Structures are given as structure tokens and as C-alpha cells.
Amino acid sequence: MASGGSGPGRPGRPKIGWEFFGSELRRRREAAGVTQQELGERVFCSGSYIGQFESAVRKPQLELARRFDEELDTDGYFSRMCEELVNSSPFADYFAEAAEFQTLATTICTYSPTLVPGLLQTEGYARAVFRAAQPFRPAERNEEGVRSRMARARLLTSPTAPELWAILDESILRRPIGSDADMAGQLRHIAELAKGDRVLVQVLPFSARAHALLEGNLTVMTFVDAPPVAYVEGPFSGELLDDPAVVGKCEASFDHARASALSPDVSLAMIESAAKEYERGCEA
């Protein structure tokens, strides 16, 4: 996953927030004498979505903010505010909105084919990932990414932590990222989290052969009072999906992969066994 951090005091946190954006949208809409349903029809979304934007449950993309400006005659006010909020995020542009949604989610289901998901990464593993992905970037920039990722990972230890269901391809266990010590520490970290009551981990073994999620990273998030969303990611790109039909297909694909994966107990045993192998490598 892309780099990032979350929570109060994170690097680059803007002076304004999405709550302010939402309250201003409500104020300007009501001043114009327009209902949520009427505004939704004008900007090509539902009235319930307008309500979710106004309550900061959802964050509108820039194109939608521009439509708000057009329909409410606000002279670029909402698009400028949206750009400020997105640009001041510590996350990669394509991941910023998905990262915000993670802090609001009640459940996060994620599948990764090549790398440990960002929320589960340790510092040593994350540093190796950043170094490999952007070898020509200044070391300090990579360190900023590591710090942000570690801040975001603290989401799992917060009192309101979402339930996380992670499916890891077996290749994640077998391909060394960083040193043997980095890999051993990473796998031990995953094992400890999996023994708690908020994180469930399954390994999709090589023996599963073809499966529903061969094409790449997928994350599905659910919320208390909003429809689920999905996030798909490739190299230096990502897309947030909220069309109900598309999200439904993503949920079905995750369920199919989950059915092909090893049980949580067997997965934990495989992860701990792989950690021991890397630990032996450290001793050699």
C-alpha cells in the first residue's frame, strides 16, 4: 500500500478538515435553498451521498467539488478547499482518500499478492520496501514515508480499531524483503497481531493455483452508517470504487479468495515456521 499516517497530529495535517468542508457544503446548499436530493441530482450522485459529504462520512473527489462550485455558484471555493485537503495529506495522492476511509471503517478486508499490507508492516520491512520501490529518491524522503506508514499502522492499536481480515499470498512469506532479520521481525509481528482479537490473517498458498484475486491488491471497507467502498492499487496508482455493483463484485472476489486460503490456525503456523527459517538465516 501507499505510504501514509493517520490520527491527530499526523505530519502535514491541514488547519481545515473534511468536517469543515462538510459544514460549509451544508451551509451553502441551504443558503441556495436546495435540498440534498436536488443537489445530488445536479452533480450526478444520490442525495444520501450529499448527506455523507456534509457529515464527513465520505470525502468528495476533486471533480465533484468542482460541480458543487458550479451548482452553488461558489467561485471555486469547494474545489480549492478539496485541493488543499488532498495536497496537505501525508499520503500519496492516489491513496489519500482511501487512507481517510480506513480511519472511519469498522471492517477492512484486504488481499495482497506481493507485499505485506501497509497496516501490518514493521519499520524495517517498510524501509526496505521504500528503498526498493524508489532507489533514487533521497533517503530522508524515504524515511518520511516510513514514519508516516508507522503512524498509520497505529490505527490497529487504537480503542476504535477496525477489524482487519488480511489474506496474504504465500509469496509474501517466501520472497525476502530487506534482511533476514527484517523478515523474521515482520512475520513475528503479523503472528502476534493474528493472535489478538482485531486481526485475522489467512495465507493463500501456492497450491491454490488460479484464484479470484490474481490481478492485484484489493481492499474492501465497511462502515456503520455508509455503504462499503473498495480500493484497488497498482504501481504508483490506485482507485477508490464506490459503485455498489462494482463493490459487490470486489466483495465476492475477496470471499472466493478467502475460501481458497488456508485456515487462520494453519496460516499462523505457516507464518511462524517461515519466521523461524529467517531467524536461522540470521544465525548462519
Protein backbone atom coordinates (compact mmCIF):
# COMPACT_ATOMS: atom_id res chain seq x y z
CA MET A 1 0.00 0.00 0.00
CA ALA A 2 0.91 3.57 -0.40
CA SER A 3 2.67 5.39 2.38
CA GLY A 4 0.83 7.44 4.92
CA GLY A 5 -0.06 8.25 8.52
CA SER A 6 -3.28 8.83 10.41
CA GLY A 7 -4.68 10.33 13.53
CA PRO A 8 -4.41 13.69 15.28
CA GLY A 9 -1.07 15.42 14.89
CA ARG A 10 -0.01 13.49 11.81
CA PRO A 11 2.56 15.25 9.61
CA GLY A 12 1.11 17.89 7.33
CA ARG A 13 -2.36 17.86 8.89
CA PRO A 14 -4.31 20.81 7.42
CA LYS A 15 -5.77 23.61 9.51
CA ILE A 16 -9.14 22.90 7.92
CA GLY A 17 -10.61 19.43 7.74
CA TRP A 18 -13.28 17.46 5.95
CA GLU A 19 -15.70 18.25 8.78
CA PHE A 20 -15.34 21.94 7.90
CA PHE A 21 -15.79 21.13 4.20
CA GLY A 22 -19.00 19.30 5.03
CA SER A 23 -20.41 22.02 7.26
CA GLU A 24 -19.68 24.63 4.58
CA LEU A 25 -21.34 22.47 1.94
CA ARG A 26 -24.46 22.23 4.10
CA ARG A 27 -24.44 25.99 4.81
CA ARG A 28 -24.02 26.98 1.15
CA ARG A 29 -26.61 24.42 -0.01
CA GLU A 30 -29.21 25.60 2.48
CA ALA A 31 -28.48 29.25 1.61
CA ALA A 32 -29.21 28.39 -2.01
CA GLY A 33 -32.50 26.78 -1.00
CA VAL A 34 -31.50 23.39 -2.40
CA THR A 35 -32.25 20.02 -0.78
CA GLN A 36 -29.68 17.23 -0.55
CA GLN A 37 -31.63 15.25 -3.14
CA GLU A 38 -31.80 18.21 -5.54
CA LEU A 39 -28.07 18.92 -5.25
CA GLY A 40 -27.30 15.23 -5.71
CA GLU A 41 -29.30 15.12 -8.93
CA ARG A 42 -27.47 18.17 -10.26
CA VAL A 43 -23.99 16.78 -9.57
CA PHE A 44 -24.85 13.19 -10.57
CA CYS A 45 -24.88 11.42 -7.20
CA SER A 46 -27.56 10.49 -4.66
CA GLY A 47 -28.99 12.78 -2.01
CA SER A 48 -27.75 10.36 0.64
CA TYR A 49 -24.20 10.86 -0.65
CA ILE A 50 -24.60 14.62 -0.20
CA GLY A 51 -25.59 13.94 3.39
CA GLN A 52 -22.50 11.78 3.87
CA PHE A 53 -20.28 14.53 2.43
CA GLU A 54 -21.87 17.06 4.77
CA SER A 55 -21.29 14.82 7.80
CA ALA A 56 -17.72 13.98 6.64
CA VAL A 57 -18.50 10.27 6.42
CA ARG A 58 -17.38 10.42 2.79
CA LYS A 59 -14.83 12.71 1.15
CA PRO A 60 -15.70 14.00 -2.34
CA GLN A 61 -13.20 13.79 -5.15
CA LEU A 62 -12.00 16.98 -6.79
CA GLU A 63 -14.26 16.68 -9.83
CA LEU A 64 -17.31 16.52 -7.58
CA ALA A 65 -16.10 19.54 -5.59
CA ARG A 66 -15.90 21.45 -8.87
CA ARG A 67 -19.52 20.53 -9.60
CA PHE A 68 -20.53 21.86 -6.18
CA ASP A 69 -18.91 25.16 -7.11
CA GLU A 70 -20.79 25.28 -10.40
CA GLU A 71 -24.19 24.44 -8.93
CA LEU A 72 -23.89 26.59 -5.80
CA ASP A 73 -22.08 29.46 -7.58
CA THR A 74 -19.21 29.45 -5.06
CA ASP A 75 -16.43 30.60 -7.41
CA GLY A 76 -14.05 27.66 -6.90
CA TYR A 77 -14.42 27.66 -3.10
CA PHE A 78 -15.04 23.93 -2.70
CA SER A 79 -12.52 22.83 -5.32
CA ARG A 80 -9.79 24.96 -3.70
CA MET A 81 -10.63 23.55 -0.29
CA CYS A 82 -10.62 20.00 -1.65
CA GLU A 83 -7.22 20.54 -3.27
CA GLU A 84 -5.83 21.92 -0.01
CA LEU A 85 -7.05 18.92 1.96
CA VAL A 86 -5.71 16.42 -0.55
CA ASN A 87 -2.35 18.16 -1.08
CA SER A 88 -1.69 18.52 2.65
CA SER A 89 -2.18 14.81 3.21
CA PRO A 90 0.98 12.80 4.05
CA PHE A 91 -0.22 10.05 1.72
CA ALA A 92 0.44 9.56 -1.96
CA ASP A 93 -2.24 11.45 -3.92
CA TYR A 94 -3.92 8.32 -5.22
CA PHE A 95 -4.12 6.79 -1.72
CA ALA A 96 -5.11 9.83 0.37
CA GLU A 97 -8.86 9.29 0.24
CA ALA A 98 -8.59 5.55 0.90
CA ALA A 99 -6.37 6.24 3.92
CA GLU A 100 -9.00 8.58 5.35
CA PHE A 101 -11.65 5.91 4.87
CA GLN A 102 -9.54 3.39 6.80
CA THR A 103 -9.76 5.59 9.89
CA LEU A 104 -13.58 5.52 9.64
CA ALA A 105 -14.05 1.86 8.74
CA THR A 106 -15.50 -0.77 11.04
CA THR A 107 -14.04 -3.62 8.98
CA ILE A 108 -11.17 -3.76 6.50
CA CYS A 109 -10.72 -6.79 4.27
CA THR A 110 -7.51 -6.73 2.26
CA TYR A 111 -5.71 -9.05 -0.14
CA SER A 112 -2.09 -8.54 -1.12
CA PRO A 113 -0.20 -10.65 -3.68
CA THR A 114 3.37 -9.40 -3.22
CA LEU A 115 3.89 -7.24 -0.11
CA VAL A 116 2.70 -7.15 3.48
CA PRO A 117 -0.19 -4.62 3.64
CA GLY A 118 0.90 -1.24 4.99
CA LEU A 119 -1.18 -1.52 8.17
CA LEU A 120 0.74 -4.68 9.11
CA GLN A 121 4.26 -3.56 8.19
CA THR A 122 7.13 -3.15 10.63
CA GLU A 123 9.62 -0.31 10.39
CA GLY A 124 12.46 -2.45 9.00
CA TYR A 125 10.24 -4.05 6.37
CA ALA A 126 8.69 -0.71 5.36
CA ARG A 127 12.14 0.87 5.00
CA ALA A 128 13.22 -1.96 2.69
CA VAL A 129 10.05 -1.53 0.61
CA PHE A 130 10.56 2.22 0.17
CA ARG A 131 14.24 1.75 -0.69
CA ALA A 132 13.44 -0.89 -3.32
CA ALA A 133 10.49 1.00 -4.83
CA GLN A 134 12.27 4.36 -5.15
CA PRO A 135 16.03 3.74 -5.06
CA PHE A 136 16.92 7.17 -6.47
CA ARG A 137 14.83 9.18 -4.02
CA PRO A 138 16.74 10.92 -1.19
CA ALA A 139 17.00 8.77 1.92
CA GLU A 140 15.24 11.40 4.06
CA ARG A 141 12.21 11.32 1.77
CA ASN A 142 12.02 7.57 2.18
CA GLU A 143 12.35 7.96 5.94
CA GLU A 144 9.40 10.36 5.90
CA GLY A 145 7.42 7.65 4.16
CA VAL A 146 8.44 5.09 6.77
CA ARG A 147 7.40 7.39 9.63
CA SER A 148 4.04 8.07 8.02
CA ARG A 149 3.42 4.39 7.43
CA MET A 150 4.24 3.55 11.04
CA ALA A 151 1.86 6.28 12.20
CA ARG A 152 -0.89 4.83 10.03
CA ALA A 153 -0.24 1.33 11.38
CA ARG A 154 -1.06 2.60 14.87
CA LEU A 155 -4.67 2.61 13.73
CA LEU A 156 -4.78 -1.08 14.67
CA THR A 157 -3.93 -0.34 18.30
CA SER A 158 -6.45 2.46 18.81
CA PRO A 159 -9.52 1.92 21.03
CA THR A 160 -11.74 2.16 17.96
CA ALA A 161 -9.55 -0.02 15.74
CA PRO A 162 -11.37 -1.63 12.82
CA GLU A 163 -11.47 -5.39 12.44
CA LEU A 164 -8.86 -6.35 9.85
CA TRP A 165 -9.10 -9.51 7.74
CA ALA A 166 -5.93 -9.92 5.67
CA ILE A 167 -5.24 -12.53 3.02
CA LEU A 168 -1.54 -12.81 2.20
CA ASP A 169 -0.26 -14.63 -0.84
CA GLU A 170 2.33 -17.25 0.13
CA SER A 171 4.89 -15.40 -1.99
CA ILE A 172 4.94 -12.68 0.68
CA LEU A 173 6.36 -15.21 3.14
CA ARG A 174 8.89 -16.62 0.68
CA ARG A 175 10.31 -13.51 -1.01
CA PRO A 176 12.81 -11.75 1.33
CA ILE A 177 12.25 -8.03 1.70
CA GLY A 178 15.23 -6.43 3.42
CA SER A 179 17.44 -8.59 5.62
CA ASP A 180 16.58 -11.95 7.18
CA ALA A 181 16.21 -10.07 10.46
CA ASP A 182 13.71 -7.69 8.83
CA MET A 183 11.68 -10.61 7.51
CA ALA A 184 11.77 -12.51 10.78
CA GLY A 185 10.63 -9.42 12.67
CA GLN A 186 7.89 -8.73 10.15
CA LEU A 187 6.46 -12.22 10.27
CA ARG A 188 6.64 -12.34 14.06
CA HIS A 189 4.74 -9.04 14.14
CA ILE A 190 1.99 -10.44 11.92
CA ALA A 191 1.78 -13.57 14.06
CA GLU A 192 1.38 -11.54 17.25
CA LEU A 193 -1.34 -9.41 15.72
CA ALA A 194 -3.11 -12.52 14.45
CA LYS A 195 -3.22 -13.90 18.00
CA GLY A 196 -5.23 -10.86 19.14
CA ASP A 197 -8.92 -10.19 18.68
CA ARG A 198 -8.88 -7.49 15.97
CA VAL A 199 -6.75 -9.01 13.20
CA LEU A 200 -7.37 -12.24 11.30
CA VAL A 201 -4.77 -13.46 8.80
CA GLN A 202 -5.00 -16.18 6.17
CA VAL A 203 -2.34 -17.33 3.74
CA LEU A 204 -3.31 -18.12 0.16
CA PRO A 205 -0.93 -21.00 -0.65
CA PHE A 206 0.76 -21.73 -3.96
CA SER A 207 -1.32 -24.92 -4.07
CA ALA A 208 -4.46 -22.81 -4.54
CA ARG A 209 -3.26 -22.18 -8.12
CA ALA A 210 -5.55 -19.76 -10.01
CA HIS A 211 -7.88 -17.76 -7.80
CA ALA A 212 -10.26 -14.81 -7.87
CA LEU A 213 -7.73 -12.09 -6.99
CA LEU A 214 -4.79 -12.89 -9.24
CA GLU A 215 -4.93 -9.38 -10.73
CA GLY A 216 -3.66 -7.40 -7.76
CA ASN A 217 -4.21 -5.62 -4.45
CA LEU A 218 -7.75 -5.23 -3.18
CA THR A 219 -9.18 -3.66 -0.03
CA VAL A 220 -12.86 -3.55 0.91
CA MET A 221 -14.02 -1.32 3.78
CA THR A 222 -17.37 -1.24 5.57
CA PHE A 223 -18.84 1.47 7.79
CA VAL A 224 -21.54 1.82 10.43
CA ASP A 225 -23.73 4.28 8.53
CA ALA A 226 -22.43 4.33 4.96
CA PRO A 227 -22.18 1.88 2.05
CA PRO A 228 -18.96 -0.14 1.63
CA VAL A 229 -16.17 1.02 -0.66
CA ALA A 230 -13.32 -0.82 -2.37
CA TYR A 231 -9.80 0.29 -3.18
CA VAL A 232 -7.59 -1.28 -5.84
CA GLU A 233 -3.92 -0.44 -6.28
CA GLY A 234 -1.13 -0.92 -8.77
CA PRO A 235 2.38 0.53 -9.11
CA PHE A 236 2.18 4.25 -8.21
CA SER A 237 -1.57 4.28 -8.85
CA GLY A 238 -4.79 3.44 -7.08
CA GLU A 239 -8.53 3.87 -7.42
CA LEU A 240 -11.32 4.15 -4.89
CA LEU A 241 -14.51 2.40 -6.01
CA ASP A 242 -17.94 3.15 -4.59
CA ASP A 243 -20.33 1.99 -7.29
CA PRO A 244 -22.47 -0.64 -5.47
CA ALA A 245 -22.35 -3.14 -8.32
CA VAL A 246 -18.55 -2.91 -8.62
CA VAL A 247 -18.02 -3.06 -4.86
CA GLY A 248 -20.27 -6.13 -4.76
CA LYS A 249 -18.04 -7.86 -7.30
CA CYS A 250 -14.97 -6.95 -5.23
CA GLU A 251 -16.59 -8.42 -2.11
CA ALA A 252 -17.41 -11.62 -4.00
CA SER A 253 -13.83 -11.91 -5.28
CA PHE A 254 -12.47 -11.49 -1.76
CA ASP A 255 -14.87 -14.16 -0.48
CA HIS A 256 -13.73 -16.58 -3.20
CA ALA A 257 -10.08 -15.99 -2.33
CA ARG A 258 -10.88 -16.39 1.37
CA ALA A 259 -12.46 -19.76 0.60
CA SER A 260 -9.27 -20.87 -1.18
CA ALA A 261 -6.95 -19.72 1.60
CA LEU A 262 -5.63 -21.78 4.49
CA SER A 263 -7.49 -21.62 7.79
CA PRO A 264 -6.34 -18.97 10.28
CA ASP A 265 -4.68 -21.60 12.52
CA VAL A 266 -2.82 -23.28 9.67
CA SER A 267 -1.87 -19.87 8.27
CA LEU A 268 -0.46 -18.80 11.64
CA ALA A 269 1.62 -21.98 11.80
CA MET A 270 3.00 -21.32 8.30
CA ILE A 271 3.86 -17.71 9.18
CA GLU A 272 5.65 -18.74 12.37
CA SER A 273 7.51 -21.50 10.54
CA ALA A 274 8.70 -19.02 7.91
CA ALA A 275 9.80 -16.63 10.67
CA LYS A 276 11.92 -19.41 12.20
CA GLU A 277 13.59 -20.04 8.83
CA TYR A 278 14.60 -16.39 8.57
CA GLU A 279 15.80 -16.42 12.16
CA ARG A 280 18.07 -19.38 11.33
CA GLY A 281 19.36 -17.33 8.40
CA CYS A 282 20.33 -14.58 10.84
CA GLU A 283 22.35 -17.10 12.87
CA ALA A 284 24.20 -18.58 9.90
